[in-house]
Amino acid sequence: MDEKLPNIAFTLATHAIEEIGKASLIGTREVARSHGGDSTFIDNRFDDHIFKLFWALWTPVFGSGNLSREQFEELQGLAKDIYAQRLAALYVSPDGTVGLCLLT
């Protein structure tokens, strides 16, 4: 933030959240494998940025047992919004303007 590059800070923070989601996916995959389950679904999601963001947001709430369908869908929407904002903040359009960045 001192360098006045909030778009880069936002991008790095988003990547960090994705890594949290990926760590949860790895743990879930290993539990499935240890019980003889098929981990193909999880294995195919490691390159899905929105899914990793969603997984990072959803995992802490999952254990509470209090997650409604609406809340689940809100978390899905939030993951999509975060990813869209990351792309907009990271890339510059041909006219030289930076995309939408809510951290300006």
PDB file of N, CA and C in Angstrom:
ATOM      1  N   MET A   1       0.825  -1.189   0.000  1.00  0.00           N
ATOM      2  CA  MET A   1       0.000   0.000   0.000  1.00  0.00           C
ATOM      3  C   MET A   1       0.871   1.255   0.000  1.00  0.00           C
ATOM      4  N   ASP A   2       2.047   1.170   0.630  1.00  0.00           N
ATOM      5  CA  ASP A   2       2.936   2.325   0.636  1.00  0.00           C
ATOM      6  C   ASP A   2       3.385   2.694  -0.774  1.00  0.00           C
ATOM      7  N   GLU A   3       3.443   1.701  -1.660  1.00  0.00           N
ATOM      8  CA  GLU A   3       3.867   1.943  -3.038  1.00  0.00           C
ATOM      9  C   GLU A   3       2.713   2.419  -3.914  1.00  0.00           C
ATOM     10  N   LYS A   4       1.524   2.541  -3.319  1.00  0.00           N
ATOM     11  CA  LYS A   4       0.328   2.965  -4.038  1.00  0.00           C
ATOM     12  C   LYS A   4      -0.006   2.014  -5.190  1.00  0.00           C
ATOM     13  N   LEU A   5       0.055   0.719  -4.886  1.00  0.00           N
ATOM     14  CA  LEU A   5      -0.279  -0.327  -5.841  1.00  0.00           C
ATOM     15  C   LEU A   5      -1.343  -1.251  -5.235  1.00  0.00           C
ATOM     16  N   PRO A   6      -2.519  -0.698  -4.931  1.00  0.00           N
ATOM     17  CA  PRO A   6      -3.535  -1.522  -4.271  1.00  0.00           C
ATOM     18  C   PRO A   6      -3.998  -2.698  -5.131  1.00  0.00           C
ATOM     19  N   ASN A   7      -3.923  -2.553  -6.451  1.00  0.00           N
ATOM     20  CA  ASN A   7      -4.330  -3.662  -7.303  1.00  0.00           C
ATOM     21  C   ASN A   7      -3.406  -4.861  -7.125  1.00  0.00           C
ATOM     22  N   ILE A   8      -2.121  -4.608  -6.941  1.00  0.00           N
ATOM     23  CA  ILE A   8      -1.175  -5.706  -6.722  1.00  0.00           C
ATOM     24  C   ILE A   8      -1.396  -6.322  -5.342  1.00  0.00           C
ATOM     25  N   ALA A   9      -1.636  -5.487  -4.343  1.00  0.00           N
ATOM     26  CA  ALA A   9      -1.919  -5.999  -2.998  1.00  0.00           C
ATOM     27  C   ALA A   9      -3.174  -6.866  -3.009  1.00  0.00           C
ATOM     28  N   PHE A  10      -4.215  -6.431  -3.711  1.00  0.00           N
ATOM     29  CA  PHE A  10      -5.445  -7.195  -3.802  1.00  0.00           C
ATOM     30  C   PHE A  10      -5.206  -8.528  -4.504  1.00  0.00           C
ATOM     31  N   THR A  11      -4.436  -8.509  -5.588  1.00  0.00           N
ATOM     32  CA  THR A  11      -4.124  -9.734  -6.322  1.00  0.00           C
ATOM     33  C   THR A  11      -3.376 -10.722  -5.445  1.00  0.00           C
ATOM     34  N   LEU A  12      -2.393 -10.245  -4.710  1.00  0.00           N
ATOM     35  CA  LEU A  12      -1.619 -11.134  -3.838  1.00  0.00           C
ATOM     36  C   LEU A  12      -2.477 -11.689  -2.698  1.00  0.00           C
ATOM     37  N   ALA A  13      -3.345 -10.853  -2.152  1.00  0.00           N
ATOM     38  CA  ALA A  13      -4.241 -11.329  -1.100  1.00  0.00           C
ATOM     39  C   ALA A  13      -5.190 -12.391  -1.638  1.00  0.00           C
ATOM     40  N   THR A  14      -5.677 -12.192  -2.852  1.00  0.00           N
ATOM     41  CA  THR A  14      -6.563 -13.172  -3.467  1.00  0.00           C
ATOM     42  C   THR A  14      -5.835 -14.487  -3.688  1.00  0.00           C
ATOM     43  N   HIS A  15      -4.603 -14.413  -4.150  1.00  0.00           N
ATOM     44  CA  HIS A  15      -3.807 -15.637  -4.325  1.00  0.00           C
ATOM     45  C   HIS A  15      -3.608 -16.355  -2.987  1.00  0.00           C
ATOM     46  N   ALA A  16      -3.390 -15.604  -1.939  1.00  0.00           N
ATOM     47  CA  ALA A  16      -3.214 -16.217  -0.617  1.00  0.00           C
ATOM     48  C   ALA A  16      -4.487 -16.947  -0.182  1.00  0.00           C
ATOM     49  N   ILE A  17      -5.635 -16.341  -0.441  1.00  0.00           N
ATOM     50  CA  ILE A  17      -6.902 -16.999  -0.094  1.00  0.00           C
ATOM     51  C   ILE A  17      -7.073 -18.268  -0.929  1.00  0.00           C
ATOM     52  N   GLU A  18      -6.692 -18.210  -2.201  1.00  0.00           N
ATOM     53  CA  GLU A  18      -6.755 -19.407  -3.042  1.00  0.00           C
ATOM     54  C   GLU A  18      -5.878 -20.522  -2.476  1.00  0.00           C
ATOM     55  N   GLU A  19      -4.721 -20.169  -1.978  1.00  0.00           N
ATOM     56  CA  GLU A  19      -3.826 -21.176  -1.410  1.00  0.00           C
ATOM     57  C   GLU A  19      -4.434 -21.821  -0.161  1.00  0.00           C
ATOM     58  N   ILE A  20      -5.175 -21.044   0.606  1.00  0.00           N
ATOM     59  CA  ILE A  20      -5.889 -21.601   1.758  1.00  0.00           C
ATOM     60  C   ILE A  20      -6.925 -22.607   1.267  1.00  0.00           C
ATOM     61  N   GLY A  21      -7.651 -22.231   0.224  1.00  0.00           N
ATOM     62  CA  GLY A  21      -8.622 -23.150  -0.355  1.00  0.00           C
ATOM     63  C   GLY A  21      -7.964 -24.408  -0.884  1.00  0.00           C
ATOM     64  N   LYS A  22      -6.820 -24.247  -1.541  1.00  0.00           N
ATOM     65  CA  LYS A  22      -6.106 -25.402  -2.074  1.00  0.00           C
ATOM     66  C   LYS A  22      -5.641 -26.330  -0.950  1.00  0.00           C
ATOM     67  N   ALA A  23      -5.180 -25.764   0.138  1.00  0.00           N
ATOM     68  CA  ALA A  23      -4.756 -26.589   1.277  1.00  0.00           C
ATOM     69  C   ALA A  23      -5.930 -27.396   1.829  1.00  0.00           C
ATOM     70  N   SER A  24      -7.098 -26.778   1.896  1.00  0.00           N
ATOM     71  CA  SER A  24      -8.288 -27.501   2.357  1.00  0.00           C
ATOM     72  C   SER A  24      -8.665 -28.607   1.386  1.00  0.00           C
ATOM     73  N   LEU A  25      -8.531 -28.328   0.091  1.00  0.00           N
ATOM     74  CA  LEU A  25      -8.811 -29.353  -0.919  1.00  0.00           C
ATOM     75  C   LEU A  25      -7.852 -30.532  -0.796  1.00  0.00           C
ATOM     76  N   ILE A  26      -6.590 -30.247  -0.555  1.00  0.00           N
ATOM     77  CA  ILE A  26      -5.604 -31.318  -0.395  1.00  0.00           C
ATOM     78  C   ILE A  26      -5.957 -32.183   0.809  1.00  0.00           C
ATOM     79  N   GLY A  27      -6.317 -31.543   1.911  1.00  0.00           N
ATOM     80  CA  GLY A  27      -6.717 -32.307   3.092  1.00  0.00           C
ATOM     81  C   GLY A  27      -7.940 -33.168   2.831  1.00  0.00           C
ATOM     82  N   THR A  28      -8.924 -32.596   2.154  1.00  0.00           N
ATOM     83  CA  THR A  28     -10.139 -33.335   1.837  1.00  0.00           C
ATOM     84  C   THR A  28      -9.832 -34.495   0.897  1.00  0.00           C
ATOM     85  N   ARG A  29      -8.976 -34.252  -0.071  1.00  0.00           N
ATOM     86  CA  ARG A  29      -8.585 -35.313  -1.004  1.00  0.00           C
ATOM     87  C   ARG A  29      -7.934 -36.473  -0.265  1.00  0.00           C
ATOM     88  N   GLU A  30      -7.058 -36.151   0.670  1.00  0.00           N
ATOM     89  CA  GLU A  30      -6.361 -37.213   1.397  1.00  0.00           C
ATOM     90  C   GLU A  30      -7.313 -38.007   2.288  1.00  0.00           C
ATOM     91  N   VAL A  31      -8.286 -37.331   2.884  1.00  0.00           N
ATOM     92  CA  VAL A  31      -9.293 -38.046   3.684  1.00  0.00           C
ATOM     93  C   VAL A  31     -10.083 -38.983   2.778  1.00  0.00           C
ATOM     94  N   ALA A  32     -10.492 -38.484   1.614  1.00  0.00           N
ATOM     95  CA  ALA A  32     -11.238 -39.330   0.670  1.00  0.00           C
ATOM     96  C   ALA A  32     -10.414 -40.535   0.250  1.00  0.00           C
ATOM     97  N   ARG A  33      -9.167 -40.313  -0.083  1.00  0.00           N
ATOM     98  CA  ARG A  33      -8.295 -41.420  -0.497  1.00  0.00           C
ATOM     99  C   ARG A  33      -8.093 -42.431   0.625  1.00  0.00           C
ATOM    100  N   SER A  34      -7.929 -41.948   1.836  1.00  0.00           N
ATOM    101  CA  SER A  34      -7.678 -42.867   2.957  1.00  0.00           C
ATOM    102  C   SER A  34      -8.884 -43.749   3.262  1.00  0.00           C
ATOM    103  N   HIS A  35     -10.054 -43.314   2.807  1.00  0.00           N
ATOM    104  CA  HIS A  35     -11.271 -44.101   2.995  1.00  0.00           C
ATOM    105  C   HIS A  35     -11.673 -44.820   1.712  1.00  0.00           C
ATOM    106  N   GLY A  36     -10.731 -44.898   0.767  1.00  0.00           N
ATOM    107  CA  GLY A  36     -10.986 -45.617  -0.478  1.00  0.00           C
ATOM    108  C   GLY A  36     -11.836 -44.870  -1.476  1.00  0.00           C
ATOM    109  N   GLY A  37     -12.023 -43.581  -1.254  1.00  0.00           N
ATOM    110  CA  GLY A  37     -12.862 -42.781  -2.149  1.00  0.00           C
ATOM    111  C   GLY A  37     -12.124 -42.334  -3.398  1.00  0.00           C
ATOM    112  N   ASP A  38     -12.885 -41.892  -4.359  1.00  0.00           N
ATOM    113  CA  ASP A  38     -12.346 -41.379  -5.608  1.00  0.00           C
ATOM    114  C   ASP A  38     -12.077 -39.883  -5.447  1.00  0.00           C
ATOM    115  N   SER A  39     -10.865 -39.466  -5.724  1.00  0.00           N
ATOM    116  CA  SER A  39     -10.491 -38.062  -5.554  1.00  0.00           C
ATOM    117  C   SER A  39     -10.439 -37.310  -6.877  1.00  0.00           C
ATOM    118  N   THR A  40     -10.946 -37.899  -7.939  1.00  0.00           N
ATOM    119  CA  THR A  40     -10.877 -37.273  -9.266  1.00  0.00           C
ATOM    120  C   THR A  40     -11.521 -35.894  -9.277  1.00  0.00           C
ATOM    121  N   PHE A  41     -12.675 -35.754  -8.647  1.00  0.00           N
ATOM    122  CA  PHE A  41     -13.369 -34.465  -8.621  1.00  0.00           C
ATOM    123  C   PHE A  41     -12.470 -33.384  -8.039  1.00  0.00           C
ATOM    124  N   ILE A  42     -11.824 -33.682  -6.936  1.00  0.00           N
ATOM    125  CA  ILE A  42     -10.941 -32.702  -6.294  1.00  0.00           C
ATOM    126  C   ILE A  42      -9.699 -32.481  -7.141  1.00  0.00           C
ATOM    127  N   ASP A  43      -9.117 -33.546  -7.652  1.00  0.00           N
ATOM    128  CA  ASP A  43      -7.909 -33.420  -8.475  1.00  0.00           C
ATOM    129  C   ASP A  43      -8.139 -32.498  -9.674  1.00  0.00           C
ATOM    130  N   ASN A  44      -9.339 -32.500 -10.201  1.00  0.00           N
ATOM    131  CA  ASN A  44      -9.654 -31.671 -11.368  1.00  0.00           C
ATOM    132  C   ASN A  44      -9.954 -30.217 -11.018  1.00  0.00           C
ATOM    133  N   ARG A  45      -9.945 -29.859  -9.755  1.00  0.00           N
ATOM    134  CA  ARG A  45     -10.295 -28.499  -9.325  1.00  0.00           C
ATOM    135  C   ARG A  45      -9.099 -27.640  -8.922  1.00  0.00           C
ATOM    136  N   PHE A  46      -7.899 -28.192  -8.946  1.00  0.00           N
ATOM    137  CA  PHE A  46      -6.740 -27.433  -8.484  1.00  0.00           C
ATOM    138  C   PHE A  46      -6.382 -26.253  -9.379  1.00  0.00           C
ATOM    139  N   ASP A  47      -6.869 -26.217 -10.609  1.00  0.00           N
ATOM    140  CA  ASP A  47      -6.618 -25.081 -11.496  1.00  0.00           C
ATOM    141  C   ASP A  47      -7.814 -24.144 -11.593  1.00  0.00           C
ATOM    142  N   ASP A  48      -8.848 -24.414 -10.819  1.00  0.00           N
ATOM    143  CA  ASP A  48     -10.076 -23.619 -10.849  1.00  0.00           C
ATOM    144  C   ASP A  48      -9.997 -22.549  -9.748  1.00  0.00           C
ATOM    145  N   HIS A  49      -9.661 -21.330 -10.142  1.00  0.00           N
ATOM    146  CA  HIS A  49      -9.450 -20.256  -9.170  1.00  0.00           C
ATOM    147  C   HIS A  49     -10.705 -19.947  -8.360  1.00  0.00           C
ATOM    148  N   ILE A  50     -11.838 -19.901  -9.033  1.00  0.00           N
ATOM    149  CA  ILE A  50     -13.091 -19.587  -8.333  1.00  0.00           C
ATOM    150  C   ILE A  50     -13.423 -20.684  -7.327  1.00  0.00           C
ATOM    151  N   PHE A  51     -13.230 -21.928  -7.695  1.00  0.00           N
ATOM    152  CA  PHE A  51     -13.521 -23.033  -6.777  1.00  0.00           C
ATOM    153  C   PHE A  51     -12.611 -22.972  -5.553  1.00  0.00           C
ATOM    154  N   LYS A  52     -11.328 -22.676  -5.749  1.00  0.00           N
ATOM    155  CA  LYS A  52     -10.410 -22.579  -4.601  1.00  0.00           C
ATOM    156  C   LYS A  52     -10.802 -21.425  -3.688  1.00  0.00           C
ATOM    157  N   LEU A  53     -11.209 -20.301  -4.273  1.00  0.00           N
ATOM    158  CA  LEU A  53     -11.685 -19.181  -3.446  1.00  0.00           C
ATOM    159  C   LEU A  53     -12.932 -19.591  -2.675  1.00  0.00           C
ATOM    160  N   PHE A  54     -13.874 -20.215  -3.366  1.00  0.00           N
ATOM    161  CA  PHE A  54     -15.094 -20.677  -2.705  1.00  0.00           C
ATOM    162  C   PHE A  54     -14.759 -21.646  -1.582  1.00  0.00           C
ATOM    163  N   TRP A  55     -13.872 -22.575  -1.841  1.00  0.00           N
ATOM    164  CA  TRP A  55     -13.526 -23.582  -0.837  1.00  0.00           C
ATOM    165  C   TRP A  55     -12.915 -22.932   0.404  1.00  0.00           C
ATOM    166  N   ALA A  56     -12.100 -21.905   0.193  1.00  0.00           N
ATOM    167  CA  ALA A  56     -11.501 -21.190   1.325  1.00  0.00           C
ATOM    168  C   ALA A  56     -12.565 -20.475   2.146  1.00  0.00           C
ATOM    169  N   LEU A  57     -13.582 -19.935   1.485  1.00  0.00           N
ATOM    170  CA  LEU A  57     -14.656 -19.224   2.185  1.00  0.00           C
ATOM    171  C   LEU A  57     -15.631 -20.188   2.851  1.00  0.00           C
ATOM    172  N   TRP A  58     -15.894 -21.307   2.198  1.00  0.00           N
ATOM    173  CA  TRP A  58     -16.908 -22.255   2.641  1.00  0.00           C
ATOM    174  C   TRP A  58     -16.432 -23.169   3.761  1.00  0.00           C
ATOM    175  N   THR A  59     -15.184 -23.612   3.712  1.00  0.00           N
ATOM    176  CA  THR A  59     -14.671 -24.602   4.662  1.00  0.00           C
ATOM    177  C   THR A  59     -14.856 -24.197   6.128  1.00  0.00           C
ATOM    178  N   PRO A  60     -14.547 -22.967   6.539  1.00  0.00           N
ATOM    179  CA  PRO A  60     -14.729 -22.630   7.955  1.00  0.00           C
ATOM    180  C   PRO A  60     -16.195 -22.678   8.405  1.00  0.00           C
ATOM    181  N   VAL A  61     -17.108 -22.408   7.493  1.00  0.00           N
ATOM    182  CA  VAL A  61     -18.521 -22.381   7.830  1.00  0.00           C
ATOM    183  C   VAL A  61     -19.117 -23.782   7.823  1.00  0.00           C
ATOM    184  N   PHE A  62     -18.558 -24.667   7.011  1.00  0.00           N
ATOM    185  CA  PHE A  62     -19.091 -26.010   6.825  1.00  0.00           C
ATOM    186  C   PHE A  62     -19.232 -26.770   8.139  1.00  0.00           C
ATOM    187  N   GLY A  63     -18.222 -26.700   8.966  1.00  0.00           N
ATOM    188  CA  GLY A  63     -18.234 -27.430  10.232  1.00  0.00           C
ATOM    189  C   GLY A  63     -19.279 -26.958  11.223  1.00  0.00           C
ATOM    190  N   SER A  64     -19.780 -25.757  11.048  1.00  0.00           N
ATOM    191  CA  SER A  64     -20.757 -25.220  11.997  1.00  0.00           C
ATOM    192  C   SER A  64     -22.122 -25.867  11.849  1.00  0.00           C
ATOM    193  N   GLY A  65     -22.405 -26.402  10.667  1.00  0.00           N
ATOM    194  CA  GLY A  65     -23.702 -27.026  10.430  1.00  0.00           C
ATOM    195  C   GLY A  65     -24.839 -26.042  10.289  1.00  0.00           C
ATOM    196  N   ASN A  66     -24.543 -24.756  10.252  1.00  0.00           N
ATOM    197  CA  ASN A  66     -25.576 -23.728  10.189  1.00  0.00           C
ATOM    198  C   ASN A  66     -25.626 -23.018   8.843  1.00  0.00           C
ATOM    199  N   LEU A  67     -25.153 -23.654   7.798  1.00  0.00           N
ATOM    200  CA  LEU A  67     -25.073 -23.003   6.503  1.00  0.00           C
ATOM    201  C   LEU A  67     -26.337 -23.294   5.698  1.00  0.00           C
ATOM    202  N   SER A  68     -27.064 -22.248   5.362  1.00  0.00           N
ATOM    203  CA  SER A  68     -28.280 -22.407   4.557  1.00  0.00           C
ATOM    204  C   SER A  68     -27.912 -22.445   3.076  1.00  0.00           C
ATOM    205  N   ARG A  69     -28.847 -22.856   2.267  1.00  0.00           N
ATOM    206  CA  ARG A  69     -28.632 -22.872   0.815  1.00  0.00           C
ATOM    207  C   ARG A  69     -28.325 -21.465   0.307  1.00  0.00           C
ATOM    208  N   GLU A  70     -29.032 -20.477   0.845  1.00  0.00           N
ATOM    209  CA  GLU A  70     -28.810 -19.097   0.429  1.00  0.00           C
ATOM    210  C   GLU A  70     -27.394 -18.642   0.770  1.00  0.00           C
ATOM    211  N   GLN A  71     -26.924 -19.000   1.958  1.00  0.00           N
ATOM    212  CA  GLN A  71     -25.567 -18.628   2.351  1.00  0.00           C
ATOM    213  C   GLN A  71     -24.540 -19.325   1.456  1.00  0.00           C
ATOM    214  N   PHE A  72     -24.798 -20.583   1.143  1.00  0.00           N
ATOM    215  CA  PHE A  72     -23.923 -21.345   0.251  1.00  0.00           C
ATOM    216  C   PHE A  72     -23.825 -20.635  -1.103  1.00  0.00           C
ATOM    217  N   GLU A  73     -24.967 -20.236  -1.642  1.00  0.00           N
ATOM    218  CA  GLU A  73     -24.994 -19.550  -2.927  1.00  0.00           C
ATOM    219  C   GLU A  73     -24.332 -18.168  -2.847  1.00  0.00           C
ATOM    220  N   GLU A  74     -24.487 -17.493  -1.709  1.00  0.00           N
ATOM    221  CA  GLU A  74     -23.819 -16.203  -1.513  1.00  0.00           C
ATOM    222  C   GLU A  74     -22.302 -16.366  -1.535  1.00  0.00           C
ATOM    223  N   LEU A  75     -21.806 -17.429  -0.903  1.00  0.00           N
ATOM    224  CA  LEU A  75     -20.368 -17.690  -0.907  1.00  0.00           C
ATOM    225  C   LEU A  75     -19.880 -17.995  -2.314  1.00  0.00           C
ATOM    226  N   GLN A  76     -20.675 -18.717  -3.085  1.00  0.00           N
ATOM    227  CA  GLN A  76     -20.312 -18.982  -4.479  1.00  0.00           C
ATOM    228  C   GLN A  76     -20.218 -17.664  -5.255  1.00  0.00           C
ATOM    229  N   GLY A  77     -21.212 -16.792  -5.068  1.00  0.00           N
ATOM    230  CA  GLY A  77     -21.202 -15.497  -5.733  1.00  0.00           C
ATOM    231  C   GLY A  77     -20.033 -14.630  -5.300  1.00  0.00           C
ATOM    232  N   LEU A  78     -19.727 -14.670  -4.010  1.00  0.00           N
ATOM    233  CA  LEU A  78     -18.599 -13.892  -3.498  1.00  0.00           C
ATOM    234  C   LEU A  78     -17.296 -14.366  -4.123  1.00  0.00           C
ATOM    235  N   ALA A  79     -17.111 -15.671  -4.237  1.00  0.00           N
ATOM    236  CA  ALA A  79     -15.898 -16.205  -4.860  1.00  0.00           C
ATOM    237  C   ALA A  79     -15.785 -15.730  -6.310  1.00  0.00           C
ATOM    238  N   LYS A  80     -16.897 -15.751  -7.041  1.00  0.00           N
ATOM    239  CA  LYS A  80     -16.896 -15.273  -8.434  1.00  0.00           C
ATOM    240  C   LYS A  80     -16.564 -13.782  -8.491  1.00  0.00           C
ATOM    241  N   ASP A  81     -17.147 -13.001  -7.586  1.00  0.00           N
ATOM    242  CA  ASP A  81     -16.890 -11.559  -7.560  1.00  0.00           C
ATOM    243  C   ASP A  81     -15.433 -11.244  -7.235  1.00  0.00           C
ATOM    244  N   ILE A  82     -14.879 -11.942  -6.265  1.00  0.00           N
ATOM    245  CA  ILE A  82     -13.473 -11.721  -5.896  1.00  0.00           C
ATOM    246  C   ILE A  82     -12.573 -12.018  -7.083  1.00  0.00           C
ATOM    247  N   TYR A  83     -12.840 -13.119  -7.762  1.00  0.00           N
ATOM    248  CA  TYR A  83     -12.014 -13.483  -8.916  1.00  0.00           C
ATOM    249  C   TYR A  83     -12.140 -12.448 -10.032  1.00  0.00           C
ATOM    250  N   ALA A  84     -13.355 -12.005 -10.308  1.00  0.00           N
ATOM    251  CA  ALA A  84     -13.562 -10.999 -11.354  1.00  0.00           C
ATOM    252  C   ALA A  84     -12.841  -9.697 -10.997  1.00  0.00           C
ATOM    253  N   GLN A  85     -12.888  -9.309  -9.743  1.00  0.00           N
ATOM    254  CA  GLN A  85     -12.198  -8.088  -9.314  1.00  0.00           C
ATOM    255  C   GLN A  85     -10.690  -8.256  -9.412  1.00  0.00           C
ATOM    256  N   ARG A  86     -10.200  -9.451  -9.120  1.00  0.00           N
ATOM    257  CA  ARG A  86      -8.761  -9.705  -9.236  1.00  0.00           C
ATOM    258  C   ARG A  86      -8.312  -9.538 -10.681  1.00  0.00           C
ATOM    259  N   LEU A  87      -9.069 -10.121 -11.606  1.00  0.00           N
ATOM    260  CA  LEU A  87      -8.709  -9.985 -13.015  1.00  0.00           C
ATOM    261  C   LEU A  87      -8.762  -8.523 -13.454  1.00  0.00           C
ATOM    262  N   ALA A  88      -9.808  -7.835 -13.036  1.00  0.00           N
ATOM    263  CA  ALA A  88      -9.952  -6.426 -13.411  1.00  0.00           C
ATOM    264  C   ALA A  88      -8.847  -5.567 -12.815  1.00  0.00           C
ATOM    265  N   ALA A  89      -8.418  -5.905 -11.622  1.00  0.00           N
ATOM    266  CA  ALA A  89      -7.370  -5.128 -10.961  1.00  0.00           C
ATOM    267  C   ALA A  89      -5.985  -5.419 -11.530  1.00  0.00           C
ATOM    268  N   LEU A  90      -5.829  -6.592 -12.079  1.00  0.00           N
ATOM    269  CA  LEU A  90      -4.508  -7.012 -12.532  1.00  0.00           C
ATOM    270  C   LEU A  90      -4.193  -6.569 -13.951  1.00  0.00           C
ATOM    271  N   TYR A  91      -5.189  -6.588 -14.808  1.00  0.00           N
ATOM    272  CA  TYR A  91      -4.948  -6.334 -16.225  1.00  0.00           C
ATOM    273  C   TYR A  91      -5.306  -4.912 -16.617  1.00  0.00           C
ATOM    274  N   VAL A  92      -4.564  -4.398 -17.567  1.00  0.00           N
ATOM    275  CA  VAL A  92      -4.762  -3.044 -18.073  1.00  0.00           C
ATOM    276  C   VAL A  92      -5.388  -3.150 -19.458  1.00  0.00           C
ATOM    277  N   SER A  93      -6.366  -2.318 -19.721  1.00  0.00           N
ATOM    278  CA  SER A  93      -7.015  -2.330 -21.034  1.00  0.00           C
ATOM    279  C   SER A  93      -6.098  -1.679 -22.064  1.00  0.00           C
ATOM    280  N   PRO A  94      -6.366  -1.899 -23.362  1.00  0.00           N
ATOM    281  CA  PRO A  94      -5.510  -1.317 -24.417  1.00  0.00           C
ATOM    282  C   PRO A  94      -5.432   0.218 -24.373  1.00  0.00           C
ATOM    283  N   ASP A  95      -6.439   0.867 -23.787  1.00  0.00           N
ATOM    284  CA  ASP A  95      -6.368   2.339 -23.724  1.00  0.00           C
ATOM    285  C   ASP A  95      -5.553   2.830 -22.530  1.00  0.00           C
ATOM    286  N   GLY A  96      -4.960   1.885 -21.770  1.00  0.00           N
ATOM    287  CA  GLY A  96      -4.070   2.268 -20.682  1.00  0.00           C
ATOM    288  C   GLY A  96      -4.719   2.413 -19.328  1.00  0.00           C
ATOM    289  N   THR A  97      -6.017   2.215 -19.242  1.00  0.00           N
ATOM    290  CA  THR A  97      -6.678   2.327 -17.943  1.00  0.00           C
ATOM    291  C   THR A  97      -6.658   0.980 -17.246  1.00  0.00           C
ATOM    292  N   VAL A  98      -6.527   1.038 -15.963  1.00  0.00           N
ATOM    293  CA  VAL A  98      -6.574  -0.185 -15.157  1.00  0.00           C
ATOM    294  C   VAL A  98      -8.014  -0.558 -14.972  1.00  0.00           C
ATOM    295  N   GLY A  99      -8.285  -1.845 -14.885  1.00  0.00           N
ATOM    296  CA  GLY A  99      -9.648  -2.320 -14.686  1.00  0.00           C
ATOM    297  C   GLY A  99     -10.186  -1.912 -13.334  1.00  0.00           C
ATOM    298  N   LEU A 100     -11.380  -2.336 -13.069  1.00  0.00           N
ATOM    299  CA  LEU A 100     -12.063  -2.026 -11.806  1.00  0.00           C
ATOM    300  C   LEU A 100     -11.224  -2.521 -10.639  1.00  0.00           C
ATOM    301  N   CYS A 101     -10.963  -1.664  -9.713  1.00  0.00           N
ATOM    302  CA  CYS A 101     -10.269  -2.059  -8.485  1.00  0.00           C
ATOM    303  C   CYS A 101     -10.941  -1.315  -7.346  1.00  0.00           C
ATOM    304  N   LEU A 102     -11.592  -2.047  -6.478  1.00  0.00           N
ATOM    305  CA  LEU A 102     -12.347  -1.424  -5.403  1.00  0.00           C
ATOM    306  C   LEU A 102     -11.470  -0.889  -4.284  1.00  0.00           C
ATOM    307  N   LEU A 103     -10.165  -1.070  -4.412  1.00  0.00           N
ATOM    308  CA  LEU A 103      -9.252  -0.654  -3.351  1.00  0.00           C
ATOM    309  C   LEU A 103      -8.586   0.684  -3.637  1.00  0.00           C
ATOM    310  N   THR A 104      -9.072   1.431  -4.586  1.00  0.00           N
ATOM    311  CA  THR A 104      -8.416   2.709  -4.919  1.00  0.00           C
ATOM    312  C   THR A 104      -8.755   3.766  -3.913  1.00  0.00           C
TER     313      THR A 104
END
